[in-house]
């Protein structure tokens, strides 16, 4: 039985999202309410922290069938703009690379480019 390797960063109260990497291309994905993997954290379902270990065990069991690896939970704060990870590392994963937009992959437009500003 494996324990979420990042559980020391999650409070007993609050909520978390579930993340992984897609095997096909390595992209970061987020679990939605229907159990499907989505490309943005805004599409992720917020799960209560007190049930995360059972959920993560279940998702890790089916990771191969879902073509994902490295499934784990990320504690978030709910904001007006959606869920926001509490740690810097996870904010970088959620928001994209911390490099100049010129070097950002085409499939991951910088926020300003995506909003048209």
PDB file of N, CA and C in Angstrom:
ATOM      1  N   UNK A   1       0.853  -1.177   0.000  1.00  0.00           N
ATOM      2  CA  UNK A   1       0.000   0.000   0.000  1.00  0.00           C
ATOM      3  C   UNK A   1       0.894   1.233   0.000  1.00  0.00           C
ATOM      4  N   UNK A   2       0.705   2.108  -0.986  1.00  0.00           N
ATOM      5  CA  UNK A   2       1.517   3.319  -1.044  1.00  0.00           C
ATOM      6  C   UNK A   2       0.744   4.488  -0.452  1.00  0.00           C
ATOM      7  N   UNK A   3       1.483   5.390   0.133  1.00  0.00           N
ATOM      8  CA  UNK A   3       0.906   6.596   0.704  1.00  0.00           C
ATOM      9  C   UNK A   3       1.281   7.744  -0.213  1.00  0.00           C
ATOM     10  N   UNK A   4       0.386   8.706  -0.355  1.00  0.00           N
ATOM     11  CA  UNK A   4       0.665   9.868  -1.190  1.00  0.00           C
ATOM     12  C   UNK A   4       1.985  10.487  -0.757  1.00  0.00           C
ATOM     13  N   UNK A   5       2.934  10.539  -1.665  1.00  0.00           N
ATOM     14  CA  UNK A   5       4.266  11.020  -1.311  1.00  0.00           C
ATOM     15  C   UNK A   5       4.289  12.494  -0.939  1.00  0.00           C
ATOM     16  N   UNK A   6       3.232  13.221  -1.201  1.00  0.00           N
ATOM     17  CA  UNK A   6       3.190  14.640  -0.859  1.00  0.00           C
ATOM     18  C   UNK A   6       2.170  14.925   0.249  1.00  0.00           C
ATOM     19  N   UNK A   7       1.747  13.886   0.961  1.00  0.00           N
ATOM     20  CA  UNK A   7       0.706  14.094   1.960  1.00  0.00           C
ATOM     21  C   UNK A   7       1.149  14.985   3.105  1.00  0.00           C
ATOM     22  N   UNK A   8       2.453  15.160   3.285  1.00  0.00           N
ATOM     23  CA  UNK A   8       2.918  16.048   4.343  1.00  0.00           C
ATOM     24  C   UNK A   8       2.658  17.508   3.987  1.00  0.00           C
ATOM     25  N   UNK A   9       2.236  17.783   2.772  1.00  0.00           N
ATOM     26  CA  UNK A   9       1.934  19.147   2.356  1.00  0.00           C
ATOM     27  C   UNK A   9       0.430  19.392   2.296  1.00  0.00           C
ATOM     28  N   UNK A  10      -0.331  18.480   2.849  1.00  0.00           N
ATOM     29  CA  UNK A  10      -1.783  18.597   2.781  1.00  0.00           C
ATOM     30  C   UNK A  10      -2.353  18.578   4.196  1.00  0.00           C
ATOM     31  N   UNK A  11      -3.185  19.566   4.508  1.00  0.00           N
ATOM     32  CA  UNK A  11      -3.862  19.620   5.801  1.00  0.00           C
ATOM     33  C   UNK A  11      -4.934  18.541   5.860  1.00  0.00           C
ATOM     34  N   UNK A  12      -5.368  18.214   7.075  1.00  0.00           N
ATOM     35  CA  UNK A  12      -6.450  17.246   7.207  1.00  0.00           C
ATOM     36  C   UNK A  12      -7.773  17.855   6.757  1.00  0.00           C
ATOM     37  N   UNK A  13      -7.890  19.167   6.875  1.00  0.00           N
ATOM     38  CA  UNK A  13      -9.085  19.858   6.396  1.00  0.00           C
ATOM     39  C   UNK A  13      -8.742  20.526   5.068  1.00  0.00           C
ATOM     40  N   UNK A  14      -9.713  21.075   4.424  1.00  0.00           N
ATOM     41  CA  UNK A  14      -9.470  21.731   3.146  1.00  0.00           C
ATOM     42  C   UNK A  14      -9.725  20.792   1.986  1.00  0.00           C
ATOM     43  N   UNK A  15      -9.231  21.184   0.813  1.00  0.00           N
ATOM     44  CA  UNK A  15      -9.464  20.371  -0.376  1.00  0.00           C
ATOM     45  C   UNK A  15      -8.217  20.302  -1.243  1.00  0.00           C
ATOM     46  N   UNK A  16      -8.216  19.312  -2.098  1.00  0.00           N
ATOM     47  CA  UNK A  16      -7.092  19.068  -3.001  1.00  0.00           C
ATOM     48  C   UNK A  16      -7.616  18.675  -4.366  1.00  0.00           C
ATOM     49  N   UNK A  17      -6.741  18.784  -5.347  1.00  0.00           N
ATOM     50  CA  UNK A  17      -7.005  18.261  -6.681  1.00  0.00           C
ATOM     51  C   UNK A  17      -6.052  17.100  -6.902  1.00  0.00           C
ATOM     52  N   UNK A  18      -6.347  16.277  -7.903  1.00  0.00           N
ATOM     53  CA  UNK A  18      -5.489  15.141  -8.233  1.00  0.00           C
ATOM     54  C   UNK A  18      -4.819  15.443  -9.561  1.00  0.00           C
ATOM     55  N   UNK A  19      -3.511  15.229  -9.613  1.00  0.00           N
ATOM     56  CA  UNK A  19      -2.743  15.509 -10.816  1.00  0.00           C
ATOM     57  C   UNK A  19      -1.902  14.298 -11.197  1.00  0.00           C
ATOM     58  N   UNK A  20      -1.445  14.293 -12.436  1.00  0.00           N
ATOM     59  CA  UNK A  20      -0.581  13.228 -12.955  1.00  0.00           C
ATOM     60  C   UNK A  20       0.088  13.754 -14.220  1.00  0.00           C
ATOM     61  N   UNK A  21       0.873  12.904 -14.848  1.00  0.00           N
ATOM     62  CA  UNK A  21       1.454  13.219 -16.151  1.00  0.00           C
ATOM     63  C   UNK A  21       0.935  12.212 -17.161  1.00  0.00           C
ATOM     64  N   UNK A  22       0.566  12.699 -18.327  1.00  0.00           N
ATOM     65  CA  UNK A  22       0.057  11.841 -19.390  1.00  0.00           C
ATOM     66  C   UNK A  22       1.223  11.119 -20.054  1.00  0.00           C
ATOM     67  N   UNK A  23       1.097   9.816 -20.225  1.00  0.00           N
ATOM     68  CA  UNK A  23       2.164   9.008 -20.821  1.00  0.00           C
ATOM     69  C   UNK A  23       2.452   9.380 -22.268  1.00  0.00           C
ATOM     70  N   UNK A  24       1.439   9.711 -23.026  1.00  0.00           N
ATOM     71  CA  UNK A  24       1.596   9.991 -24.446  1.00  0.00           C
ATOM     72  C   UNK A  24       2.598  11.107 -24.718  1.00  0.00           C
ATOM     73  N   UNK A  25       2.497  12.199 -23.941  1.00  0.00           N
ATOM     74  CA  UNK A  25       3.329  13.361 -24.226  1.00  0.00           C
ATOM     75  C   UNK A  25       3.919  14.037 -22.991  1.00  0.00           C
ATOM     76  N   UNK A  26       3.676  13.487 -21.811  1.00  0.00           N
ATOM     77  CA  UNK A  26       4.240  14.049 -20.591  1.00  0.00           C
ATOM     78  C   UNK A  26       3.500  15.240 -20.028  1.00  0.00           C
ATOM     79  N   UNK A  27       2.418  15.646 -20.674  1.00  0.00           N
ATOM     80  CA  UNK A  27       1.693  16.826 -20.198  1.00  0.00           C
ATOM     81  C   UNK A  27       1.080  16.587 -18.826  1.00  0.00           C
ATOM     82  N   UNK A  28       0.979  17.663 -18.082  1.00  0.00           N
ATOM     83  CA  UNK A  28       0.359  17.632 -16.765  1.00  0.00           C
ATOM     84  C   UNK A  28      -1.148  17.581 -16.958  1.00  0.00           C
ATOM     85  N   UNK A  29      -1.801  16.690 -16.225  1.00  0.00           N
ATOM     86  CA  UNK A  29      -3.250  16.546 -16.322  1.00  0.00           C
ATOM     87  C   UNK A  29      -3.863  16.578 -14.926  1.00  0.00           C
ATOM     88  N   UNK A  30      -5.161  16.884 -14.889  1.00  0.00           N
ATOM     89  CA  UNK A  30      -5.898  17.089 -13.646  1.00  0.00           C
ATOM     90  C   UNK A  30      -7.191  16.291 -13.710  1.00  0.00           C
ATOM     91  N   UNK A  31      -7.553  15.637 -12.625  1.00  0.00           N
ATOM     92  CA  UNK A  31      -8.734  14.776 -12.582  1.00  0.00           C
ATOM     93  C   UNK A  31     -10.002  15.602 -12.385  1.00  0.00           C
ATOM     94  N   UNK A  32     -11.014  15.373 -13.235  1.00  0.00           N
ATOM     95  CA  UNK A  32     -12.276  16.098 -13.093  1.00  0.00           C
ATOM     96  C   UNK A  32     -13.294  15.265 -12.310  1.00  0.00           C
ATOM     97  N   UNK A  33     -14.485  15.798 -12.156  1.00  0.00           N
ATOM     98  CA  UNK A  33     -15.525  15.146 -11.351  1.00  0.00           C
ATOM     99  C   UNK A  33     -15.998  13.827 -11.954  1.00  0.00           C
ATOM    100  N   UNK A  34     -15.821  13.646 -13.263  1.00  0.00           N
ATOM    101  CA  UNK A  34     -16.244  12.412 -13.925  1.00  0.00           C
ATOM    102  C   UNK A  34     -15.129  11.375 -13.991  1.00  0.00           C
ATOM    103  N   UNK A  35     -13.974  11.679 -13.391  1.00  0.00           N
ATOM    104  CA  UNK A  35     -12.859  10.739 -13.411  1.00  0.00           C
ATOM    105  C   UNK A  35     -12.055  10.776 -14.697  1.00  0.00           C
ATOM    106  N   UNK A  36     -12.205  11.838 -15.471  1.00  0.00           N
ATOM    107  CA  UNK A  36     -11.452  12.023 -16.716  1.00  0.00           C
ATOM    108  C   UNK A  36     -10.303  12.995 -16.464  1.00  0.00           C
ATOM    109  N   UNK A  37      -9.232  12.830 -17.218  1.00  0.00           N
ATOM    110  CA  UNK A  37      -8.056  13.687 -17.072  1.00  0.00           C
ATOM    111  C   UNK A  37      -8.158  14.882 -18.009  1.00  0.00           C
ATOM    112  N   UNK A  38      -8.008  16.079 -17.451  1.00  0.00           N
ATOM    113  CA  UNK A  38      -8.135  17.336 -18.190  1.00  0.00           C
ATOM    114  C   UNK A  38      -6.798  18.077 -18.205  1.00  0.00           C
ATOM    115  N   UNK A  39      -6.668  19.043 -19.115  1.00  0.00           N
ATOM    116  CA  UNK A  39      -5.396  19.744 -19.300  1.00  0.00           C
ATOM    117  C   UNK A  39      -5.198  20.966 -18.416  1.00  0.00           C
ATOM    118  N   UNK A  40      -6.253  21.471 -17.786  1.00  0.00           N
ATOM    119  CA  UNK A  40      -6.086  22.659 -16.944  1.00  0.00           C
ATOM    120  C   UNK A  40      -6.603  22.403 -15.535  1.00  0.00           C
ATOM    121  N   UNK A  41      -5.973  23.052 -14.587  1.00  0.00           N
ATOM    122  CA  UNK A  41      -6.384  22.898 -13.191  1.00  0.00           C
ATOM    123  C   UNK A  41      -7.788  23.455 -12.969  1.00  0.00           C
ATOM    124  N   UNK A  42      -8.195  24.408 -13.785  1.00  0.00           N
ATOM    125  CA  UNK A  42      -9.539  24.960 -13.674  1.00  0.00           C
ATOM    126  C   UNK A  42     -10.628  23.931 -13.925  1.00  0.00           C
ATOM    127  N   UNK A  43     -10.297  22.851 -14.614  1.00  0.00           N
ATOM    128  CA  UNK A  43     -11.255  21.781 -14.891  1.00  0.00           C
ATOM    129  C   UNK A  43     -11.205  20.680 -13.831  1.00  0.00           C
ATOM    130  N   UNK A  44     -10.289  20.797 -12.890  1.00  0.00           N
ATOM    131  CA  UNK A  44     -10.123  19.766 -11.864  1.00  0.00           C
ATOM    132  C   UNK A  44     -11.230  19.850 -10.821  1.00  0.00           C
ATOM    133  N   UNK A  45     -11.585  18.690 -10.295  1.00  0.00           N
ATOM    134  CA  UNK A  45     -12.562  18.625  -9.214  1.00  0.00           C
ATOM    135  C   UNK A  45     -11.837  18.801  -7.884  1.00  0.00           C
ATOM    136  N   UNK A  46     -12.442  19.541  -6.963  1.00  0.00           N
ATOM    137  CA  UNK A  46     -11.870  19.722  -5.633  1.00  0.00           C
ATOM    138  C   UNK A  46     -12.398  18.627  -4.715  1.00  0.00           C
ATOM    139  N   UNK A  47     -11.493  17.774  -4.270  1.00  0.00           N
ATOM    140  CA  UNK A  47     -11.837  16.661  -3.394  1.00  0.00           C
ATOM    141  C   UNK A  47     -11.505  17.034  -1.954  1.00  0.00           C
ATOM    142  N   UNK A  48     -12.348  16.634  -0.983  1.00  0.00           N
ATOM    143  CA  UNK A  48     -12.015  16.894   0.420  1.00  0.00           C
ATOM    144  C   UNK A  48     -10.761  16.115   0.819  1.00  0.00           C
ATOM    145  N   UNK A  49      -9.899  16.756   1.589  1.00  0.00           N
ATOM    146  CA  UNK A  49      -8.636  16.125   1.985  1.00  0.00           C
ATOM    147  C   UNK A  49      -8.821  14.847   2.782  1.00  0.00           C
ATOM    148  N   UNK A  50      -9.902  14.759   3.547  1.00  0.00           N
ATOM    149  CA  UNK A  50     -10.049  13.579   4.405  1.00  0.00           C
ATOM    150  C   UNK A  50     -10.284  12.283   3.625  1.00  0.00           C
ATOM    151  N   UNK A  51     -10.591  12.372   2.341  1.00  0.00           N
ATOM    152  CA  UNK A  51     -10.772  11.165   1.542  1.00  0.00           C
ATOM    153  C   UNK A  51      -9.706  10.961   0.479  1.00  0.00           C
ATOM    154  N   UNK A  52      -8.648  11.760   0.525  1.00  0.00           N
ATOM    155  CA  UNK A  52      -7.646  11.723  -0.543  1.00  0.00           C
ATOM    156  C   UNK A  52      -6.881  10.409  -0.617  1.00  0.00           C
ATOM    157  N   UNK A  53      -6.516   9.822   0.495  1.00  0.00           N
ATOM    158  CA  UNK A  53      -5.709   8.592   0.440  1.00  0.00           C
ATOM    159  C   UNK A  53      -6.443   7.475  -0.294  1.00  0.00           C
ATOM    160  N   UNK A  54      -7.730   7.297   0.000  1.00  0.00           N
ATOM    161  CA  UNK A  54      -8.507   6.266  -0.697  1.00  0.00           C
ATOM    162  C   UNK A  54      -8.632   6.592  -2.182  1.00  0.00           C
ATOM    163  N   UNK A  55      -8.899   7.850  -2.488  1.00  0.00           N
ATOM    164  CA  UNK A  55      -9.014   8.270  -3.882  1.00  0.00           C
ATOM    165  C   UNK A  55      -7.703   8.043  -4.630  1.00  0.00           C
ATOM    166  N   UNK A  56      -6.586   8.395  -4.014  1.00  0.00           N
ATOM    167  CA  UNK A  56      -5.289   8.232  -4.671  1.00  0.00           C
ATOM    168  C   UNK A  56      -4.943   6.762  -4.877  1.00  0.00           C
ATOM    169  N   UNK A  57      -5.275   5.919  -3.916  1.00  0.00           N
ATOM    170  CA  UNK A  57      -5.062   4.478  -4.108  1.00  0.00           C
ATOM    171  C   UNK A  57      -5.840   3.994  -5.329  1.00  0.00           C
ATOM    172  N   UNK A  58      -7.080   4.411  -5.421  1.00  0.00           N
ATOM    173  CA  UNK A  58      -7.929   4.013  -6.544  1.00  0.00           C
ATOM    174  C   UNK A  58      -7.377   4.532  -7.869  1.00  0.00           C
ATOM    175  N   UNK A  59      -6.974   5.783  -7.897  1.00  0.00           N
ATOM    176  CA  UNK A  59      -6.457   6.369  -9.142  1.00  0.00           C
ATOM    177  C   UNK A  59      -5.109   5.771  -9.531  1.00  0.00           C
ATOM    178  N   UNK A  60      -4.276   5.458  -8.557  1.00  0.00           N
ATOM    179  CA  UNK A  60      -2.997   4.823  -8.876  1.00  0.00           C
ATOM    180  C   UNK A  60      -3.205   3.417  -9.425  1.00  0.00           C
ATOM    181  N   UNK A  61      -4.234   2.724  -8.950  1.00  0.00           N
ATOM    182  CA  UNK A  61      -4.550   1.391  -9.456  1.00  0.00           C
ATOM    183  C   UNK A  61      -4.949   1.442 -10.926  1.00  0.00           C
ATOM    184  N   UNK A  62      -5.674   2.476 -11.314  1.00  0.00           N
ATOM    185  CA  UNK A  62      -6.134   2.572 -12.697  1.00  0.00           C
ATOM    186  C   UNK A  62      -5.271   3.470 -13.576  1.00  0.00           C
ATOM    187  N   UNK A  63      -4.147   3.945 -13.067  1.00  0.00           N
ATOM    188  CA  UNK A  63      -3.289   4.866 -13.822  1.00  0.00           C
ATOM    189  C   UNK A  63      -2.862   4.294 -15.169  1.00  0.00           C
ATOM    190  N   UNK A  64      -2.461   3.039 -15.200  1.00  0.00           N
ATOM    191  CA  UNK A  64      -2.036   2.424 -16.457  1.00  0.00           C
ATOM    192  C   UNK A  64      -3.139   2.418 -17.498  1.00  0.00           C
ATOM    193  N   UNK A  65      -4.349   2.093 -17.078  1.00  0.00           N
ATOM    194  CA  UNK A  65      -5.487   2.076 -18.000  1.00  0.00           C
ATOM    195  C   UNK A  65      -5.826   3.480 -18.493  1.00  0.00           C
ATOM    196  N   UNK A  66      -5.549   4.481 -17.654  1.00  0.00           N
ATOM    197  CA  UNK A  66      -5.810   5.877 -18.028  1.00  0.00           C
ATOM    198  C   UNK A  66      -4.636   6.508 -18.774  1.00  0.00           C
ATOM    199  N   UNK A  67      -3.550   5.748 -18.935  1.00  0.00           N
ATOM    200  CA  UNK A  67      -2.339   6.249 -19.606  1.00  0.00           C
ATOM    201  C   UNK A  67      -1.734   7.465 -18.916  1.00  0.00           C
ATOM    202  N   UNK A  68      -1.676   7.404 -17.578  1.00  0.00           N
ATOM    203  CA  UNK A  68      -1.027   8.455 -16.794  1.00  0.00           C
ATOM    204  C   UNK A  68      -0.052   7.821 -15.804  1.00  0.00           C
ATOM    205  N   UNK A  69       0.890   8.619 -15.335  1.00  0.00           N
ATOM    206  CA  UNK A  69       1.845   8.186 -14.312  1.00  0.00           C
ATOM    207  C   UNK A  69       1.984   9.291 -13.268  1.00  0.00           C
ATOM    208  N   UNK A  70       2.507   8.924 -12.106  1.00  0.00           N
ATOM    209  CA  UNK A  70       2.809   9.914 -11.076  1.00  0.00           C
ATOM    210  C   UNK A  70       1.584  10.587 -10.497  1.00  0.00           C
ATOM    211  N   UNK A  71       0.565   9.829 -10.187  1.00  0.00           N
ATOM    212  CA  UNK A  71      -0.684  10.380  -9.647  1.00  0.00           C
ATOM    213  C   UNK A  71      -0.471  10.795  -8.194  1.00  0.00           C
ATOM    214  N   UNK A  72      -0.844  12.032  -7.861  1.00  0.00           N
ATOM    215  CA  UNK A  72      -0.789  12.479  -6.464  1.00  0.00           C
ATOM    216  C   UNK A  72      -1.736  13.651  -6.241  1.00  0.00           C
ATOM    217  N   UNK A  73      -1.963  13.982  -4.982  1.00  0.00           N
ATOM    218  CA  UNK A  73      -2.865  15.069  -4.616  1.00  0.00           C
ATOM    219  C   UNK A  73      -2.117  16.360  -4.365  1.00  0.00           C
ATOM    220  N   UNK A  74      -2.782  17.471  -4.666  1.00  0.00           N
ATOM    221  CA  UNK A  74      -2.214  18.803  -4.474  1.00  0.00           C
ATOM    222  C   UNK A  74      -3.215  19.636  -3.691  1.00  0.00           C
ATOM    223  N   UNK A  75      -2.813  20.095  -2.515  1.00  0.00           N
ATOM    224  CA  UNK A  75      -3.718  20.947  -1.741  1.00  0.00           C
ATOM    225  C   UNK A  75      -3.855  22.290  -2.439  1.00  0.00           C
ATOM    226  N   UNK A  76      -5.094  22.778  -2.506  1.00  0.00           N
ATOM    227  CA  UNK A  76      -5.375  24.037  -3.182  1.00  0.00           C
ATOM    228  C   UNK A  76      -6.205  24.950  -2.293  1.00  0.00           C
ATOM    229  N   UNK A  77      -6.196  26.212  -2.665  1.00  0.00           N
ATOM    230  CA  UNK A  77      -7.088  27.203  -2.071  1.00  0.00           C
ATOM    231  C   UNK A  77      -8.069  27.585  -3.163  1.00  0.00           C
ATOM    232  N   UNK A  78      -9.327  27.700  -2.834  1.00  0.00           N
ATOM    233  CA  UNK A  78     -10.312  28.113  -3.825  1.00  0.00           C
ATOM    234  C   UNK A  78     -10.285  29.631  -3.915  1.00  0.00           C
ATOM    235  N   UNK A  79     -10.103  30.171  -5.117  1.00  0.00           N
ATOM    236  CA  UNK A  79     -10.080  31.613  -5.345  1.00  0.00           C
ATOM    237  C   UNK A  79     -11.168  31.968  -6.354  1.00  0.00           C
ATOM    238  N   UNK A  80     -11.345  33.257  -6.594  1.00  0.00           N
ATOM    239  CA  UNK A  80     -12.323  33.709  -7.587  1.00  0.00           C
ATOM    240  C   UNK A  80     -11.962  33.216  -8.981  1.00  0.00           C
ATOM    241  N   UNK A  81     -10.692  32.891  -9.200  1.00  0.00           N
ATOM    242  CA  UNK A  81     -10.220  32.424 -10.506  1.00  0.00           C
ATOM    243  C   UNK A  81     -10.082  30.908 -10.560  1.00  0.00           C
ATOM    244  N   UNK A  82     -10.565  30.213  -9.551  1.00  0.00           N
ATOM    245  CA  UNK A  82     -10.480  28.760  -9.522  1.00  0.00           C
ATOM    246  C   UNK A  82      -9.477  28.270  -8.498  1.00  0.00           C
ATOM    247  N   UNK A  83      -9.184  26.977  -8.519  1.00  0.00           N
ATOM    248  CA  UNK A  83      -8.253  26.417  -7.534  1.00  0.00           C
ATOM    249  C   UNK A  83      -6.831  26.920  -7.759  1.00  0.00           C
ATOM    250  N   UNK A  84      -6.137  27.212  -6.651  1.00  0.00           N
ATOM    251  CA  UNK A  84      -4.753  27.683  -6.714  1.00  0.00           C
ATOM    252  C   UNK A  84      -3.919  26.829  -5.764  1.00  0.00           C
ATOM    253  N   UNK A  85      -2.930  26.112  -6.290  1.00  0.00           N
ATOM    254  CA  UNK A  85      -2.077  25.292  -5.426  1.00  0.00           C
ATOM    255  C   UNK A  85      -1.397  26.134  -4.353  1.00  0.00           C
ATOM    256  N   UNK A  86      -1.197  25.533  -3.196  1.00  0.00           N
ATOM    257  CA  UNK A  86      -0.587  26.245  -2.080  1.00  0.00           C
ATOM    258  C   UNK A  86       0.923  26.349  -2.188  1.00  0.00           C
ATOM    259  N   UNK A  87       1.563  25.435  -2.899  1.00  0.00           N
ATOM    260  CA  UNK A  87       3.024  25.483  -2.985  1.00  0.00           C
ATOM    261  C   UNK A  87       3.471  26.072  -4.320  1.00  0.00           C
ATOM    262  N   UNK A  88       4.632  26.693  -4.297  1.00  0.00           N
ATOM    263  CA  UNK A  88       5.192  27.292  -5.510  1.00  0.00           C
ATOM    264  C   UNK A  88       5.402  26.243  -6.587  1.00  0.00           C
ATOM    265  N   UNK A  89       5.932  25.096  -6.219  1.00  0.00           N
ATOM    266  CA  UNK A  89       6.179  24.036  -7.199  1.00  0.00           C
ATOM    267  C   UNK A  89       4.908  23.679  -7.956  1.00  0.00           C
ATOM    268  N   UNK A  90       3.828  23.501  -7.230  1.00  0.00           N
ATOM    269  CA  UNK A  90       2.578  23.103  -7.868  1.00  0.00           C
ATOM    270  C   UNK A  90       1.936  24.255  -8.633  1.00  0.00           C
ATOM    271  N   UNK A  91       2.150  25.493  -8.207  1.00  0.00           N
ATOM    272  CA  UNK A  91       1.654  26.631  -8.996  1.00  0.00           C
ATOM    273  C   UNK A  91       2.361  26.680 -10.347  1.00  0.00           C
ATOM    274  N   UNK A  92       3.668  26.403 -10.353  1.00  0.00           N
ATOM    275  CA  UNK A  92       4.406  26.371 -11.621  1.00  0.00           C
ATOM    276  C   UNK A  92       3.866  25.256 -12.509  1.00  0.00           C
ATOM    277  N   UNK A  93       3.616  24.089 -11.950  1.00  0.00           N
ATOM    278  CA  UNK A  93       3.054  22.986 -12.746  1.00  0.00           C
ATOM    279  C   UNK A  93       1.689  23.373 -13.309  1.00  0.00           C
ATOM    280  N   UNK A  94       0.862  24.043 -12.505  1.00  0.00           N
ATOM    281  CA  UNK A  94      -0.497  24.389 -12.925  1.00  0.00           C
ATOM    282  C   UNK A  94      -0.529  25.522 -13.946  1.00  0.00           C
ATOM    283  N   UNK A  95       0.365  26.486 -13.789  1.00  0.00           N
ATOM    284  CA  UNK A  95       0.314  27.686 -14.626  1.00  0.00           C
ATOM    285  C   UNK A  95       1.226  27.621 -15.829  1.00  0.00           C
ATOM    286  N   UNK A  96       2.108  26.650 -15.864  1.00  0.00           N
ATOM    287  CA  UNK A  96       2.982  26.522 -17.021  1.00  0.00           C
ATOM    288  C   UNK A  96       4.422  26.843 -16.690  1.00  0.00           C
ATOM    289  N   UNK A  97       5.284  26.686 -17.670  1.00  0.00           N
ATOM    290  CA  UNK A  97       6.713  26.876 -17.437  1.00  0.00           C
ATOM    291  C   UNK A  97       7.033  28.298 -16.992  1.00  0.00           C
ATOM    292  N   UNK A  98       8.080  28.420 -16.211  1.00  0.00           N
ATOM    293  CA  UNK A  98       8.520  29.739 -15.750  1.00  0.00           C
ATOM    294  C   UNK A  98       9.624  30.251 -16.674  1.00  0.00           C
ATOM    295  N   UNK A  99       9.335  30.215 -17.962  1.00  0.00           N
ATOM    296  CA  UNK A  99      10.280  30.692 -18.972  1.00  0.00           C
ATOM    297  C   UNK A  99       9.587  31.728 -19.841  1.00  0.00           C
ATOM    298  N   UNK A 100      10.360  32.458 -20.603  1.00  0.00           N
ATOM    299  CA  UNK A 100       9.836  33.469 -21.503  1.00  0.00           C
ATOM    300  C   UNK A 100       8.839  32.831 -22.472  1.00  0.00           C
ATOM    301  N   UNK A 101       7.794  33.565 -22.812  1.00  0.00           N
ATOM    302  CA  UNK A 101       6.743  33.040 -23.692  1.00  0.00           C
ATOM    303  C   UNK A 101       7.283  32.547 -25.029  1.00  0.00           C
ATOM    304  N   UNK A 102       8.373  33.126 -25.498  1.00  0.00           N
ATOM    305  CA  UNK A 102       8.977  32.702 -26.763  1.00  0.00           C
ATOM    306  C   UNK A 102       9.384  31.231 -26.722  1.00  0.00           C
ATOM    307  N   UNK A 103       9.704  30.751 -25.522  1.00  0.00           N
ATOM    308  CA  UNK A 103      10.167  29.378 -25.368  1.00  0.00           C
ATOM    309  C   UNK A 103       9.084  28.438 -24.851  1.00  0.00           C
ATOM    310  N   UNK A 104       7.860  28.938 -24.717  1.00  0.00           N
ATOM    311  CA  UNK A 104       6.738  28.131 -24.256  1.00  0.00           C
ATOM    312  C   UNK A 104       6.204  27.305 -25.424  1.00  0.00           C
ATOM    313  N   UNK A 105       5.928  26.029 -25.218  1.00  0.00           N
ATOM    314  CA  UNK A 105       5.374  25.213 -26.309  1.00  0.00           C
ATOM    315  C   UNK A 105       4.097  25.835 -26.863  1.00  0.00           C
ATOM    316  N   UNK A 106       3.866  25.671 -28.143  1.00  0.00           N
ATOM    317  CA  UNK A 106       2.687  26.255 -28.783  1.00  0.00           C
ATOM    318  C   UNK A 106       1.391  25.807 -28.135  1.00  0.00           C
ATOM    319  N   UNK A 107       1.339  24.569 -27.638  1.00  0.00           N
ATOM    320  CA  UNK A 107       0.112  24.080 -27.026  1.00  0.00           C
ATOM    321  C   UNK A 107      -0.138  24.700 -25.664  1.00  0.00           C
ATOM    322  N   UNK A 108       0.841  25.426 -25.133  1.00  0.00           N
ATOM    323  CA  UNK A 108       0.685  26.020 -23.811  1.00  0.00           C
ATOM    324  C   UNK A 108       0.973  27.507 -23.905  1.00  0.00           C
ATOM    325  N   UNK A 109       0.019  28.254 -24.451  1.00  0.00           N
ATOM    326  CA  UNK A 109       0.196  29.680 -24.620  1.00  0.00           C
ATOM    327  C   UNK A 109       0.363  30.372 -23.280  1.00  0.00           C
ATOM    328  N   UNK A 110       1.152  31.433 -23.277  1.00  0.00           N
ATOM    329  CA  UNK A 110       1.294  32.253 -22.076  1.00  0.00           C
ATOM    330  C   UNK A 110      -0.075  32.837 -21.739  1.00  0.00           C
ATOM    331  N   UNK A 111      -0.392  33.083 -20.450  1.00  0.00           N
ATOM    332  CA  UNK A 111      -1.716  33.589 -20.068  1.00  0.00           C
ATOM    333  C   UNK A 111      -2.132  34.837 -20.839  1.00  0.00           C
ATOM    334  N   UNK A 112      -1.219  35.790 -21.060  1.00  0.00           N
ATOM    335  CA  UNK A 112      -1.565  37.011 -21.784  1.00  0.00           C
ATOM    336  C   UNK A 112      -1.945  36.696 -23.227  1.00  0.00           C
ATOM    337  N   UNK A 113      -1.227  35.778 -23.853  1.00  0.00           N
ATOM    338  CA  UNK A 113      -1.524  35.407 -25.238  1.00  0.00           C
ATOM    339  C   UNK A 113      -2.856  34.675 -25.328  1.00  0.00           C
ATOM    340  N   UNK A 114      -3.132  33.848 -24.354  1.00  0.00           N
ATOM    341  CA  UNK A 114      -4.371  33.069 -24.369  1.00  0.00           C
ATOM    342  C   UNK A 114      -5.595  33.949 -24.166  1.00  0.00           C
ATOM    343  N   UNK A 115      -5.443  35.028 -23.375  1.00  0.00           N
ATOM    344  CA  UNK A 115      -6.586  35.900 -23.112  1.00  0.00           C
ATOM    345  C   UNK A 115      -6.717  36.999 -24.153  1.00  0.00           C
ATOM    346  N   UNK A 116      -5.738  37.117 -25.041  1.00  0.00           N
ATOM    347  CA  UNK A 116      -5.809  38.116 -26.089  1.00  0.00           C
ATOM    348  C   UNK A 116      -5.316  39.479 -25.665  1.00  0.00           C
ATOM    349  N   UNK A 117      -4.683  39.604 -24.478  1.00  0.00           N
ATOM    350  CA  UNK A 117      -4.179  40.899 -24.026  1.00  0.00           C
ATOM    351  C   UNK A 117      -2.780  41.150 -24.503  1.00  0.00           C
TER     352      UNK A 117
END
